[in-house]
Amino acid sequence: MKVIRGSDKVVEILGCHMPRRRTYLSYDQIALWVESIAAELRAAECSSIVCILRGGLFPAQCVAFATGLPLHFMRYDRGAQQATWVGPLPAPGKVLVCEDVAGLGYTLANCLDFLALSHPEFDVLTVVSDDLSRIQPRWSQHFDGVQVVFPWERHDQVPLHQQDWTEGGAAGSRVMRPDHEYRLVAVDLDGVLCHDIHPDRYAQDLAACLAERDQLLPADFAPKLEREQHVIVTGRPNEDRERTVAWLERHGLGGIPVYCRDPAVDPGTDEGSARHKGRTADLLGCSDMVESSAEQAVLIAEQCPHLRVHWWRLGSPVLIAARGVARFG
């Protein structure tokens, strides 16, 4: 296990910070990886598992099922930079420490220092590590140059979460809100806020359809929107933006940000609209997407697996997960 305790690497990294491509790991992928190394974990002959809360909880549960070992819990206080036990200590013997990521910070290193006071023999498992990791665990999936997004981190890219984290959450000087209070939801318009008009009718008489659409009332299945929690991401083209904003203002939805599709970039097909919506929601840091079209919901879920994608289904939403497969024939 490699431990970096100097500050040179920190200075080097902070002096040349580059944004990293994000990749998502699902619960299934994490559980499958743990199962793939289950024989190695059992052969390590550890007597207990130590979970570092909260990120280490899911991988530790997977390891417990794979090995049959008892679970024990440790909590880390960022403000005090101090680890404490939650509940009873493990029995004497070698323990297996579980955490979600071996990062650049000191959480894992400080927890291991604390653990060594009572259990000097241990192995470490983290779901991921990378080229910036202060500690290289015995078991880990290594991702260089990539920012891994876990299912329990869907809200980390939301601007409000980033603000709270920057203003003290990272140092433990600010209490972070519950995860659900950070949700930022991108909402489709037609078919969610109002009834949709069939695409064939637009092709037959565009001007008449646009005039009819302007007179639509909000649908009885429309969700209630709040400016702090919602943005509108629609497949309507940019040329319809002015009349779209006017419709929203007439019906008490003014002030909620609206993002239309650029036809020069994304055509008005299911694929083009889904690409626009997924990319826009991602750039805005959204945690969720509400989509009226089942086809587009599947495409968005495939290209942005870190988003919770809800097929609205006229007010009876269904969560969508999708993964592309090889073409047949």
C-alpha atoms as a PDB file:
ATOM      1  CA  MET A   1       0.000   0.000   0.000  1.00  0.00           C
ATOM      2  CA  LYS A   2       1.504   3.301  -1.146  1.00  0.00           C
ATOM      3  CA  VAL A   3       1.121   6.379   1.083  1.00  0.00           C
ATOM      4  CA  ILE A   4       2.066   9.911  -0.044  1.00  0.00           C
ATOM      5  CA  ARG A   5       2.413  12.270   2.897  1.00  0.00           C
ATOM      6  CA  GLY A   6       4.328  15.202   1.468  1.00  0.00           C
ATOM      7  CA  SER A   7       2.855  18.378  -0.064  1.00  0.00           C
ATOM      8  CA  ASP A   8       4.771  18.312  -3.379  1.00  0.00           C
ATOM      9  CA  LYS A   9       2.098  16.356  -5.170  1.00  0.00           C
ATOM     10  CA  VAL A  10      -0.612  18.687  -3.876  1.00  0.00           C
ATOM     11  CA  VAL A  11       1.256  21.748  -5.141  1.00  0.00           C
ATOM     12  CA  GLU A  12       1.877  20.081  -8.476  1.00  0.00           C
ATOM     13  CA  ILE A  13      -1.782  19.204  -8.909  1.00  0.00           C
ATOM     14  CA  LEU A  14      -3.199  22.528  -7.724  1.00  0.00           C
ATOM     15  CA  GLY A  15      -0.790  24.376  -9.979  1.00  0.00           C
ATOM     16  CA  CYS A  16      -2.034  22.532 -13.053  1.00  0.00           C
ATOM     17  CA  HIS A  17      -5.691  21.705 -12.476  1.00  0.00           C
ATOM     18  CA  MET A  18      -7.455  20.152 -15.453  1.00  0.00           C
ATOM     19  CA  PRO A  19     -11.131  19.165 -15.592  1.00  0.00           C
ATOM     20  CA  ARG A  20     -11.586  15.398 -15.710  1.00  0.00           C
ATOM     21  CA  ARG A  21     -13.972  13.393 -17.832  1.00  0.00           C
ATOM     22  CA  ARG A  22     -16.712  11.913 -15.676  1.00  0.00           C
ATOM     23  CA  THR A  23     -17.734   8.285 -15.726  1.00  0.00           C
ATOM     24  CA  TYR A  24     -20.537   6.666 -13.763  1.00  0.00           C
ATOM     25  CA  LEU A  25     -20.391   3.439 -11.741  1.00  0.00           C
ATOM     26  CA  SER A  26     -23.767   1.914 -10.908  1.00  0.00           C
ATOM     27  CA  TYR A  27     -24.629  -0.159  -7.841  1.00  0.00           C
ATOM     28  CA  ASP A  28     -24.703  -3.241 -10.070  1.00  0.00           C
ATOM     29  CA  GLN A  29     -21.226  -2.551 -11.464  1.00  0.00           C
ATOM     30  CA  ILE A  30     -19.773  -2.063  -7.988  1.00  0.00           C
ATOM     31  CA  ALA A  31     -21.411  -5.222  -6.647  1.00  0.00           C
ATOM     32  CA  LEU A  32     -20.254  -7.221  -9.670  1.00  0.00           C
ATOM     33  CA  TRP A  33     -16.661  -6.047  -9.208  1.00  0.00           C
ATOM     34  CA  VAL A  34     -16.676  -7.063  -5.537  1.00  0.00           C
ATOM     35  CA  GLU A  35     -18.094 -10.467  -6.502  1.00  0.00           C
ATOM     36  CA  SER A  36     -15.332 -10.890  -9.097  1.00  0.00           C
ATOM     37  CA  ILE A  37     -12.650 -10.606  -6.386  1.00  0.00           C
ATOM     38  CA  ALA A  38     -14.593 -12.458  -3.669  1.00  0.00           C
ATOM     39  CA  ALA A  39     -12.213 -15.432  -3.641  1.00  0.00           C
ATOM     40  CA  GLU A  40      -9.224 -13.109  -3.120  1.00  0.00           C
ATOM     41  CA  LEU A  41     -11.010 -11.316  -0.289  1.00  0.00           C
ATOM     42  CA  ARG A  42     -11.771 -14.588   1.472  1.00  0.00           C
ATOM     43  CA  ALA A  43      -8.182 -15.773   0.971  1.00  0.00           C
ATOM     44  CA  ALA A  44      -6.861 -12.642   2.722  1.00  0.00           C
ATOM     45  CA  GLU A  45      -8.063 -14.164   6.021  1.00  0.00           C
ATOM     46  CA  CYS A  46      -9.330 -10.948   7.563  1.00  0.00           C
ATOM     47  CA  SER A  47     -11.464 -11.325  10.688  1.00  0.00           C
ATOM     48  CA  SER A  48     -13.635  -8.182  10.340  1.00  0.00           C
ATOM     49  CA  ILE A  49     -14.695  -5.419   7.963  1.00  0.00           C
ATOM     50  CA  VAL A  50     -14.386  -1.756   8.878  1.00  0.00           C
ATOM     51  CA  CYS A  51     -16.670   0.562   6.903  1.00  0.00           C
ATOM     52  CA  ILE A  52     -15.820   4.269   6.696  1.00  0.00           C
ATOM     53  CA  LEU A  53     -19.182   6.049   6.686  1.00  0.00           C
ATOM     54  CA  ARG A  54     -20.891   7.057   4.431  1.00  0.00           C
ATOM     55  CA  GLY A  55     -19.121   6.302   1.162  1.00  0.00           C
ATOM     56  CA  GLY A  56     -17.763   2.962   2.323  1.00  0.00           C
ATOM     57  CA  LEU A  57     -21.153   1.586   3.333  1.00  0.00           C
ATOM     58  CA  PHE A  58     -22.310   0.032   0.058  1.00  0.00           C
ATOM     59  CA  PRO A  59     -18.977  -1.593  -0.892  1.00  0.00           C
ATOM     60  CA  ALA A  60     -18.604  -2.830   2.700  1.00  0.00           C
ATOM     61  CA  GLN A  61     -22.036  -4.481   2.528  1.00  0.00           C
ATOM     62  CA  CYS A  62     -21.061  -6.170  -0.740  1.00  0.00           C
ATOM     63  CA  VAL A  63     -17.828  -7.411   0.849  1.00  0.00           C
ATOM     64  CA  ALA A  64     -19.713  -8.668   3.900  1.00  0.00           C
ATOM     65  CA  PHE A  65     -22.049 -10.737   1.717  1.00  0.00           C
ATOM     66  CA  ALA A  66     -19.076 -12.053  -0.291  1.00  0.00           C
ATOM     67  CA  THR A  67     -16.999 -13.043   2.734  1.00  0.00           C
ATOM     68  CA  GLY A  68     -19.396 -13.584   5.637  1.00  0.00           C
ATOM     69  CA  LEU A  69     -17.325 -11.244   7.825  1.00  0.00           C
ATOM     70  CA  PRO A  70     -18.893  -9.013  10.505  1.00  0.00           C
ATOM     71  CA  LEU A  71     -19.269  -5.282   9.818  1.00  0.00           C
ATOM     72  CA  HIS A  72     -17.949  -2.483  12.020  1.00  0.00           C
ATOM     73  CA  PHE A  73     -18.229   1.249  11.435  1.00  0.00           C
ATOM     74  CA  MET A  74     -15.988   4.297  11.610  1.00  0.00           C
ATOM     75  CA  ARG A  75     -16.939   7.947  11.073  1.00  0.00           C
ATOM     76  CA  TYR A  76     -14.619  10.762  10.004  1.00  0.00           C
ATOM     77  CA  ASP A  77     -15.130  14.366  11.147  1.00  0.00           C
ATOM     78  CA  ARG A  78     -13.699  16.655   8.455  1.00  0.00           C
ATOM     79  CA  GLY A  79     -13.682  19.714  10.690  1.00  0.00           C
ATOM     80  CA  ALA A  80     -11.736  18.019  13.451  1.00  0.00           C
ATOM     81  CA  GLN A  81      -9.873  15.756  10.990  1.00  0.00           C
ATOM     82  CA  GLN A  82     -10.566  12.944  13.416  1.00  0.00           C
ATOM     83  CA  ALA A  83     -11.932   9.415  13.117  1.00  0.00           C
ATOM     84  CA  THR A  84     -14.134   7.764  15.748  1.00  0.00           C
ATOM     85  CA  TRP A  85     -15.744   4.362  16.152  1.00  0.00           C
ATOM     86  CA  VAL A  86     -19.497   3.985  15.727  1.00  0.00           C
ATOM     87  CA  GLY A  87     -20.529   1.036  17.859  1.00  0.00           C
ATOM     88  CA  PRO A  88     -18.242  -1.727  19.115  1.00  0.00           C
ATOM     89  CA  LEU A  89     -14.671  -2.198  17.922  1.00  0.00           C
ATOM     90  CA  PRO A  90     -13.745  -5.204  15.795  1.00  0.00           C
ATOM     91  CA  ALA A  91     -12.287  -8.241  17.503  1.00  0.00           C
ATOM     92  CA  PRO A  92      -8.478  -8.453  17.516  1.00  0.00           C
ATOM     93  CA  GLY A  93      -7.011  -9.553  14.202  1.00  0.00           C
ATOM     94  CA  LYS A  94      -6.518  -8.310  10.664  1.00  0.00           C
ATOM     95  CA  VAL A  95      -9.343  -6.102   9.371  1.00  0.00           C
ATOM     96  CA  LEU A  96     -10.424  -5.105   5.890  1.00  0.00           C
ATOM     97  CA  VAL A  97     -11.129  -1.372   5.544  1.00  0.00           C
ATOM     98  CA  CYS A  98     -13.751  -0.351   2.939  1.00  0.00           C
ATOM     99  CA  GLU A  99     -14.178   3.114   1.433  1.00  0.00           C
ATOM    100  CA  ASP A 100     -15.592   4.393  -1.864  1.00  0.00           C
ATOM    101  CA  VAL A 101     -12.534   6.276  -3.142  1.00  0.00           C
ATOM    102  CA  ALA A 102      -8.861   6.666  -2.328  1.00  0.00           C
ATOM    103  CA  GLY A 103      -8.530  10.357  -3.101  1.00  0.00           C
ATOM    104  CA  LEU A 104      -6.124  13.231  -2.795  1.00  0.00           C
ATOM    105  CA  GLY A 105      -7.405  14.234   0.644  1.00  0.00           C
ATOM    106  CA  TYR A 106      -6.587  12.891   4.090  1.00  0.00           C
ATOM    107  CA  THR A 107      -9.821  11.090   5.064  1.00  0.00           C
ATOM    108  CA  LEU A 108      -8.630   7.577   4.318  1.00  0.00           C
ATOM    109  CA  ALA A 109      -5.071   8.206   5.529  1.00  0.00           C
ATOM    110  CA  ASN A 110      -6.257   9.651   8.852  1.00  0.00           C
ATOM    111  CA  CYS A 111      -8.754   6.827   9.342  1.00  0.00           C
ATOM    112  CA  LEU A 112      -6.004   4.275   8.799  1.00  0.00           C
ATOM    113  CA  ASP A 113      -3.748   6.061  11.284  1.00  0.00           C
ATOM    114  CA  PHE A 114      -6.565   5.903  13.831  1.00  0.00           C
ATOM    115  CA  LEU A 115      -7.273   2.242  13.056  1.00  0.00           C
ATOM    116  CA  ALA A 116      -3.615   1.304  13.503  1.00  0.00           C
ATOM    117  CA  LEU A 117      -3.800   2.324  17.164  1.00  0.00           C
ATOM    118  CA  SER A 118      -6.019  -0.679  17.904  1.00  0.00           C
ATOM    119  CA  HIS A 119      -5.622  -2.900  14.802  1.00  0.00           C
ATOM    120  CA  PRO A 120      -2.155  -2.548  13.302  1.00  0.00           C
ATOM    121  CA  GLU A 121      -2.772  -5.263  10.696  1.00  0.00           C
ATOM    122  CA  PHE A 122      -5.196  -4.332   7.927  1.00  0.00           C
ATOM    123  CA  ASP A 123      -5.900  -4.412   4.197  1.00  0.00           C
ATOM    124  CA  VAL A 124      -7.707  -1.671   2.252  1.00  0.00           C
ATOM    125  CA  LEU A 125     -10.395  -1.897  -0.407  1.00  0.00           C
ATOM    126  CA  THR A 126     -11.783   1.124  -2.223  1.00  0.00           C
ATOM    127  CA  VAL A 127     -14.116   1.058  -5.191  1.00  0.00           C
ATOM    128  CA  VAL A 128     -11.808   3.376  -7.145  1.00  0.00           C
ATOM    129  CA  SER A 129      -8.396   4.976  -7.012  1.00  0.00           C
ATOM    130  CA  ASP A 130      -6.503   7.101  -9.509  1.00  0.00           C
ATOM    131  CA  ASP A 131      -3.236   8.870 -10.258  1.00  0.00           C
ATOM    132  CA  LEU A 132      -4.000  11.470  -7.556  1.00  0.00           C
ATOM    133  CA  SER A 133      -4.654   8.973  -4.753  1.00  0.00           C
ATOM    134  CA  ARG A 134      -2.718   9.563  -1.571  1.00  0.00           C
ATOM    135  CA  ILE A 135      -3.056   5.842  -0.788  1.00  0.00           C
ATOM    136  CA  GLN A 136      -3.062   2.977  -3.270  1.00  0.00           C
ATOM    137  CA  PRO A 137      -5.246   0.210  -1.764  1.00  0.00           C
ATOM    138  CA  ARG A 138      -4.693  -3.505  -2.145  1.00  0.00           C
ATOM    139  CA  TRP A 139      -8.020  -3.829  -3.997  1.00  0.00           C
ATOM    140  CA  SER A 140      -9.333  -1.027  -6.155  1.00  0.00           C
ATOM    141  CA  GLN A 141     -10.438  -0.198  -9.687  1.00  0.00           C
ATOM    142  CA  HIS A 142      -7.870   2.260 -10.999  1.00  0.00           C
ATOM    143  CA  PHE A 143      -9.033   5.187 -13.166  1.00  0.00           C
ATOM    144  CA  ASP A 144      -6.378   7.667 -14.286  1.00  0.00           C
ATOM    145  CA  GLY A 145      -7.563  11.058 -15.534  1.00  0.00           C
ATOM    146  CA  VAL A 146     -11.231  10.258 -14.834  1.00  0.00           C
ATOM    147  CA  GLN A 147     -13.674  11.533 -12.224  1.00  0.00           C
ATOM    148  CA  VAL A 148     -15.846   8.623 -11.126  1.00  0.00           C
ATOM    149  CA  VAL A 149     -19.440   9.415 -10.120  1.00  0.00           C
ATOM    150  CA  PHE A 150     -21.052   7.028  -7.616  1.00  0.00           C
ATOM    151  CA  PRO A 151     -24.819   6.554  -7.267  1.00  0.00           C
ATOM    152  CA  TRP A 152     -24.668   8.293  -3.871  1.00  0.00           C
ATOM    153  CA  GLU A 153     -22.927  11.309  -5.466  1.00  0.00           C
ATOM    154  CA  ARG A 154     -25.564  12.295  -8.044  1.00  0.00           C
ATOM    155  CA  HIS A 155     -26.007  15.657  -6.316  1.00  0.00           C
ATOM    156  CA  ASP A 156     -22.337  16.614  -6.141  1.00  0.00           C
ATOM    157  CA  GLN A 157     -22.414  18.508  -9.462  1.00  0.00           C
ATOM    158  CA  VAL A 158     -25.489  20.569  -8.521  1.00  0.00           C
ATOM    159  CA  PRO A 159     -24.372  24.236  -8.192  1.00  0.00           C
ATOM    160  CA  LEU A 160     -25.918  24.604  -4.718  1.00  0.00           C
ATOM    161  CA  HIS A 161     -24.044  21.522  -3.487  1.00  0.00           C
ATOM    162  CA  GLN A 162     -20.783  22.801  -4.966  1.00  0.00           C
ATOM    163  CA  GLN A 163     -21.352  26.174  -3.308  1.00  0.00           C
ATOM    164  CA  ASP A 164     -21.961  24.665   0.127  1.00  0.00           C
ATOM    165  CA  TRP A 165     -19.010  22.283  -0.339  1.00  0.00           C
ATOM    166  CA  THR A 166     -16.667  25.123  -1.354  1.00  0.00           C
ATOM    167  CA  GLU A 167     -17.841  27.436   1.432  1.00  0.00           C
ATOM    168  CA  GLY A 168     -17.040  24.959   4.173  1.00  0.00           C
ATOM    169  CA  GLY A 169     -18.475  21.534   3.503  1.00  0.00           C
ATOM    170  CA  ALA A 170     -15.140  20.160   2.311  1.00  0.00           C
ATOM    171  CA  ALA A 171     -13.448  21.341   5.488  1.00  0.00           C
ATOM    172  CA  GLY A 172     -16.267  20.309   7.796  1.00  0.00           C
ATOM    173  CA  SER A 173     -16.945  23.900   8.871  1.00  0.00           C
ATOM    174  CA  ARG A 174     -20.395  23.913   7.217  1.00  0.00           C
ATOM    175  CA  VAL A 175     -23.085  21.318   7.790  1.00  0.00           C
ATOM    176  CA  MET A 176     -24.177  19.968   4.416  1.00  0.00           C
ATOM    177  CA  ARG A 177     -27.900  19.639   3.721  1.00  0.00           C
ATOM    178  CA  PRO A 178     -29.574  16.246   3.250  1.00  0.00           C
ATOM    179  CA  ASP A 179     -28.896  14.905  -0.244  1.00  0.00           C
ATOM    180  CA  HIS A 180     -32.498  15.232  -1.459  1.00  0.00           C
ATOM    181  CA  GLU A 181     -32.432  18.980  -0.790  1.00  0.00           C
ATOM    182  CA  TYR A 182     -29.738  19.359  -3.450  1.00  0.00           C
ATOM    183  CA  ARG A 183     -31.793  17.813  -6.249  1.00  0.00           C
ATOM    184  CA  LEU A 184     -31.861  19.926  -9.402  1.00  0.00           C
ATOM    185  CA  VAL A 185     -34.437  18.634 -11.884  1.00  0.00           C
ATOM    186  CA  ALA A 186     -34.436  19.318 -15.621  1.00  0.00           C
ATOM    187  CA  VAL A 187     -38.036  19.216 -16.861  1.00  0.00           C
ATOM    188  CA  ASP A 188     -39.286  18.656 -20.398  1.00  0.00           C
ATOM    189  CA  LEU A 189     -42.110  20.996 -21.436  1.00  0.00           C
ATOM    190  CA  ASP A 190     -44.487  19.447 -23.978  1.00  0.00           C
ATOM    191  CA  GLY A 191     -46.114  16.373 -22.490  1.00  0.00           C
ATOM    192  CA  VAL A 192     -45.079  17.361 -18.958  1.00  0.00           C
ATOM    193  CA  LEU A 193     -46.231  20.948 -18.357  1.00  0.00           C
ATOM    194  CA  CYS A 194     -48.847  20.907 -21.099  1.00  0.00           C
ATOM    195  CA  HIS A 195     -50.393  18.363 -23.442  1.00  0.00           C
ATOM    196  CA  ASP A 196     -48.228  17.459 -26.421  1.00  0.00           C
ATOM    197  CA  ILE A 197     -49.239  17.954 -30.041  1.00  0.00           C
ATOM    198  CA  HIS A 198     -48.456  15.069 -32.364  1.00  0.00           C
ATOM    199  CA  PRO A 199     -45.413  15.743 -34.610  1.00  0.00           C
ATOM    200  CA  ASP A 200     -47.401  14.887 -37.742  1.00  0.00           C
ATOM    201  CA  ARG A 201     -49.648  17.896 -37.170  1.00  0.00           C
ATOM    202  CA  TYR A 202     -46.649  20.238 -37.067  1.00  0.00           C
ATOM    203  CA  ALA A 203     -45.614  18.906 -40.466  1.00  0.00           C
ATOM    204  CA  GLN A 204     -49.095  19.538 -41.889  1.00  0.00           C
ATOM    205  CA  ASP A 205     -49.598  23.121 -40.646  1.00  0.00           C
ATOM    206  CA  LEU A 206     -46.796  24.538 -38.494  1.00  0.00           C
ATOM    207  CA  ALA A 207     -48.279  28.013 -37.990  1.00  0.00           C
ATOM    208  CA  ALA A 208     -51.663  26.661 -36.878  1.00  0.00           C
ATOM    209  CA  CYS A 209     -50.058  24.217 -34.458  1.00  0.00           C
ATOM    210  CA  LEU A 210     -47.869  26.884 -32.885  1.00  0.00           C
ATOM    211  CA  ALA A 211     -50.889  29.155 -32.447  1.00  0.00           C
ATOM    212  CA  GLU A 212     -52.845  26.285 -30.852  1.00  0.00           C
ATOM    213  CA  ARG A 213     -49.920  25.450 -28.580  1.00  0.00           C
ATOM    214  CA  ASP A 214     -49.739  29.042 -27.355  1.00  0.00           C
ATOM    215  CA  GLN A 215     -53.336  28.732 -26.130  1.00  0.00           C
ATOM    216  CA  LEU A 216     -52.854  25.493 -24.226  1.00  0.00           C
ATOM    217  CA  LEU A 217     -53.444  25.493 -20.478  1.00  0.00           C
ATOM    218  CA  PRO A 218     -51.087  23.730 -18.070  1.00  0.00           C
ATOM    219  CA  ALA A 219     -51.993  20.055 -17.921  1.00  0.00           C
ATOM    220  CA  ASP A 220     -53.669  18.639 -14.844  1.00  0.00           C
ATOM    221  CA  PHE A 221     -50.736  16.202 -14.604  1.00  0.00           C
ATOM    222  CA  ALA A 222     -48.097  18.969 -14.663  1.00  0.00           C
ATOM    223  CA  PRO A 223     -45.661  18.942 -11.702  1.00  0.00           C
ATOM    224  CA  LYS A 224     -45.268  21.934  -9.436  1.00  0.00           C
ATOM    225  CA  LEU A 225     -42.022  23.750 -10.236  1.00  0.00           C
ATOM    226  CA  GLU A 226     -39.781  25.808  -7.966  1.00  0.00           C
ATOM    227  CA  ARG A 227     -37.115  28.135  -9.315  1.00  0.00           C
ATOM    228  CA  GLU A 228     -34.489  26.812  -6.900  1.00  0.00           C
ATOM    229  CA  GLN A 229     -35.072  23.172  -7.798  1.00  0.00           C
ATOM    230  CA  HIS A 230     -36.093  23.085 -11.481  1.00  0.00           C
ATOM    231  CA  VAL A 231     -34.955  24.157 -14.922  1.00  0.00           C
ATOM    232  CA  ILE A 232     -36.876  23.632 -18.162  1.00  0.00           C
ATOM    233  CA  VAL A 233     -34.974  21.791 -20.886  1.00  0.00           C
ATOM    234  CA  THR A 234     -37.159  21.487 -23.971  1.00  0.00           C
ATOM    235  CA  GLY A 235     -36.784  20.106 -27.454  1.00  0.00           C
ATOM    236  CA  ARG A 236     -38.422  23.244 -28.839  1.00  0.00           C
ATOM    237  CA  PRO A 237     -36.006  25.070 -31.165  1.00  0.00           C
ATOM    238  CA  ASN A 238     -34.371  28.379 -30.219  1.00  0.00           C
ATOM    239  CA  GLU A 239     -36.714  30.256 -32.577  1.00  0.00           C
ATOM    240  CA  ASP A 240     -39.619  29.292 -30.283  1.00  0.00           C
ATOM    241  CA  ARG A 241     -37.934  30.604 -27.162  1.00  0.00           C
ATOM    242  CA  GLU A 242     -39.717  33.963 -26.970  1.00  0.00           C
ATOM    243  CA  ARG A 243     -43.226  32.531 -27.281  1.00  0.00           C
ATOM    244  CA  THR A 244     -42.298  29.703 -24.877  1.00  0.00           C
ATOM    245  CA  VAL A 245     -41.139  32.145 -22.204  1.00  0.00           C
ATOM    246  CA  ALA A 246     -44.312  34.188 -22.738  1.00  0.00           C
ATOM    247  CA  TRP A 247     -46.456  31.050 -22.209  1.00  0.00           C
ATOM    248  CA  LEU A 248     -44.614  30.207 -19.014  1.00  0.00           C
ATOM    249  CA  GLU A 249     -45.026  33.738 -17.661  1.00  0.00           C
ATOM    250  CA  ARG A 250     -48.768  33.726 -18.425  1.00  0.00           C
ATOM    251  CA  HIS A 251     -49.158  30.599 -16.329  1.00  0.00           C
ATOM    252  CA  GLY A 252     -47.097  31.570 -13.292  1.00  0.00           C
ATOM    253  CA  LEU A 253     -43.870  29.858 -14.342  1.00  0.00           C
ATOM    254  CA  GLY A 254     -41.857  32.946 -15.189  1.00  0.00           C
ATOM    255  CA  GLY A 255     -38.313  33.111 -13.871  1.00  0.00           C
ATOM    256  CA  ILE A 256     -37.616  29.392 -14.207  1.00  0.00           C
ATOM    257  CA  PRO A 257     -34.623  29.061 -16.588  1.00  0.00           C
ATOM    258  CA  VAL A 258     -35.501  27.743 -20.059  1.00  0.00           C
ATOM    259  CA  TYR A 259     -33.086  25.974 -22.399  1.00  0.00           C
ATOM    260  CA  CYS A 260     -34.169  25.362 -25.989  1.00  0.00           C
ATOM    261  CA  ARG A 261     -32.568  23.212 -28.682  1.00  0.00           C
ATOM    262  CA  ASP A 262     -30.160  24.620 -31.267  1.00  0.00           C
ATOM    263  CA  PRO A 263     -31.268  23.032 -34.576  1.00  0.00           C
ATOM    264  CA  ALA A 264     -27.827  23.676 -36.068  1.00  0.00           C
ATOM    265  CA  VAL A 265     -26.341  21.333 -33.456  1.00  0.00           C
ATOM    266  CA  ASP A 266     -29.144  18.865 -32.685  1.00  0.00           C
ATOM    267  CA  PRO A 267     -31.896  18.044 -35.193  1.00  0.00           C
ATOM    268  CA  GLY A 268     -35.495  17.711 -34.040  1.00  0.00           C
ATOM    269  CA  THR A 269     -35.413  13.904 -34.038  1.00  0.00           C
ATOM    270  CA  ASP A 270     -35.701  11.723 -30.937  1.00  0.00           C
ATOM    271  CA  GLU A 271     -31.934  11.242 -31.048  1.00  0.00           C
ATOM    272  CA  GLY A 272     -31.194  14.953 -31.528  1.00  0.00           C
ATOM    273  CA  SER A 273     -33.627  16.127 -28.845  1.00  0.00           C
ATOM    274  CA  ALA A 274     -32.399  13.515 -26.367  1.00  0.00           C
ATOM    275  CA  ARG A 275     -28.791  14.506 -27.010  1.00  0.00           C
ATOM    276  CA  HIS A 276     -29.629  18.178 -26.420  1.00  0.00           C
ATOM    277  CA  LYS A 277     -31.569  17.465 -23.229  1.00  0.00           C
ATOM    278  CA  GLY A 278     -29.007  15.086 -21.753  1.00  0.00           C
ATOM    279  CA  ARG A 279     -26.053  17.325 -22.575  1.00  0.00           C
ATOM    280  CA  THR A 280     -27.787  20.439 -21.243  1.00  0.00           C
ATOM    281  CA  ALA A 281     -28.894  18.753 -18.017  1.00  0.00           C
ATOM    282  CA  ASP A 282     -25.351  17.488 -17.529  1.00  0.00           C
ATOM    283  CA  LEU A 283     -23.774  20.912 -18.107  1.00  0.00           C
ATOM    284  CA  LEU A 284     -26.210  22.476 -15.635  1.00  0.00           C
ATOM    285  CA  GLY A 285     -25.236  19.900 -13.013  1.00  0.00           C
ATOM    286  CA  CYS A 286     -28.738  18.429 -12.768  1.00  0.00           C
ATOM    287  CA  SER A 287     -29.378  15.294 -10.736  1.00  0.00           C
ATOM    288  CA  ASP A 288     -32.680  14.378 -12.430  1.00  0.00           C
ATOM    289  CA  MET A 289     -34.420  14.654 -15.813  1.00  0.00           C
ATOM    290  CA  VAL A 290     -38.189  14.454 -16.377  1.00  0.00           C
ATOM    291  CA  GLU A 291     -39.029  13.488 -19.966  1.00  0.00           C
ATOM    292  CA  SER A 292     -42.418  12.979 -21.657  1.00  0.00           C
ATOM    293  CA  SER A 293     -41.199  10.693 -24.476  1.00  0.00           C
ATOM    294  CA  ALA A 294     -40.379   7.094 -23.596  1.00  0.00           C
ATOM    295  CA  GLU A 295     -37.964   6.883 -26.530  1.00  0.00           C
ATOM    296  CA  GLN A 296     -36.094  10.021 -25.508  1.00  0.00           C
ATOM    297  CA  ALA A 297     -36.082   8.983 -21.836  1.00  0.00           C
ATOM    298  CA  VAL A 298     -34.314   5.750 -22.777  1.00  0.00           C
ATOM    299  CA  LEU A 299     -31.774   7.594 -24.934  1.00  0.00           C
ATOM    300  CA  ILE A 300     -31.061  10.164 -22.202  1.00  0.00           C
ATOM    301  CA  ALA A 301     -30.652   7.423 -19.590  1.00  0.00           C
ATOM    302  CA  GLU A 302     -28.207   5.629 -21.880  1.00  0.00           C
ATOM    303  CA  GLN A 303     -26.009   8.651 -22.551  1.00  0.00           C
ATOM    304  CA  CYS A 304     -26.224  10.152 -19.024  1.00  0.00           C
ATOM    305  CA  PRO A 305     -26.398   7.227 -16.564  1.00  0.00           C
ATOM    306  CA  HIS A 306     -25.578   9.528 -13.637  1.00  0.00           C
ATOM    307  CA  LEU A 307     -28.959  11.259 -14.135  1.00  0.00           C
ATOM    308  CA  ARG A 308     -32.135   9.872 -12.626  1.00  0.00           C
ATOM    309  CA  VAL A 309     -34.329   9.854 -15.729  1.00  0.00           C
ATOM    310  CA  HIS A 310     -38.087   9.855 -15.165  1.00  0.00           C
ATOM    311  CA  TRP A 311     -40.408   8.999 -18.038  1.00  0.00           C
ATOM    312  CA  TRP A 312     -43.294  11.268 -17.025  1.00  0.00           C
ATOM    313  CA  ARG A 313     -46.092   9.089 -18.424  1.00  0.00           C
ATOM    314  CA  LEU A 314     -48.828  11.724 -17.949  1.00  0.00           C
ATOM    315  CA  GLY A 315     -48.112  12.146 -14.254  1.00  0.00           C
ATOM    316  CA  SER A 316     -47.372   8.504 -13.387  1.00  0.00           C
ATOM    317  CA  PRO A 317     -43.575   8.626 -13.690  1.00  0.00           C
ATOM    318  CA  VAL A 318     -41.315   5.620 -14.164  1.00  0.00           C
ATOM    319  CA  LEU A 319     -37.574   5.649 -13.488  1.00  0.00           C
ATOM    320  CA  ILE A 320     -35.594   4.577 -16.554  1.00  0.00           C
ATOM    321  CA  ALA A 321     -32.199   2.845 -16.721  1.00  0.00           C
ATOM    322  CA  ALA A 322     -30.702   1.923 -20.098  1.00  0.00           C
ATOM    323  CA  ARG A 323     -27.539   0.557 -21.628  1.00  0.00           C
ATOM    324  CA  GLY A 324     -26.699   0.295 -25.324  1.00  0.00           C
ATOM    325  CA  VAL A 325     -26.180  -3.142 -26.860  1.00  0.00           C
ATOM    326  CA  ALA A 326     -24.479  -4.386 -30.001  1.00  0.00           C
ATOM    327  CA  ARG A 327     -26.646  -4.413 -33.112  1.00  0.00           C
ATOM    328  CA  PHE A 328     -27.981  -7.777 -34.229  1.00  0.00           C
ATOM    329  CA  GLY A 329     -27.374  -9.123 -37.727  1.00  0.00           C
END
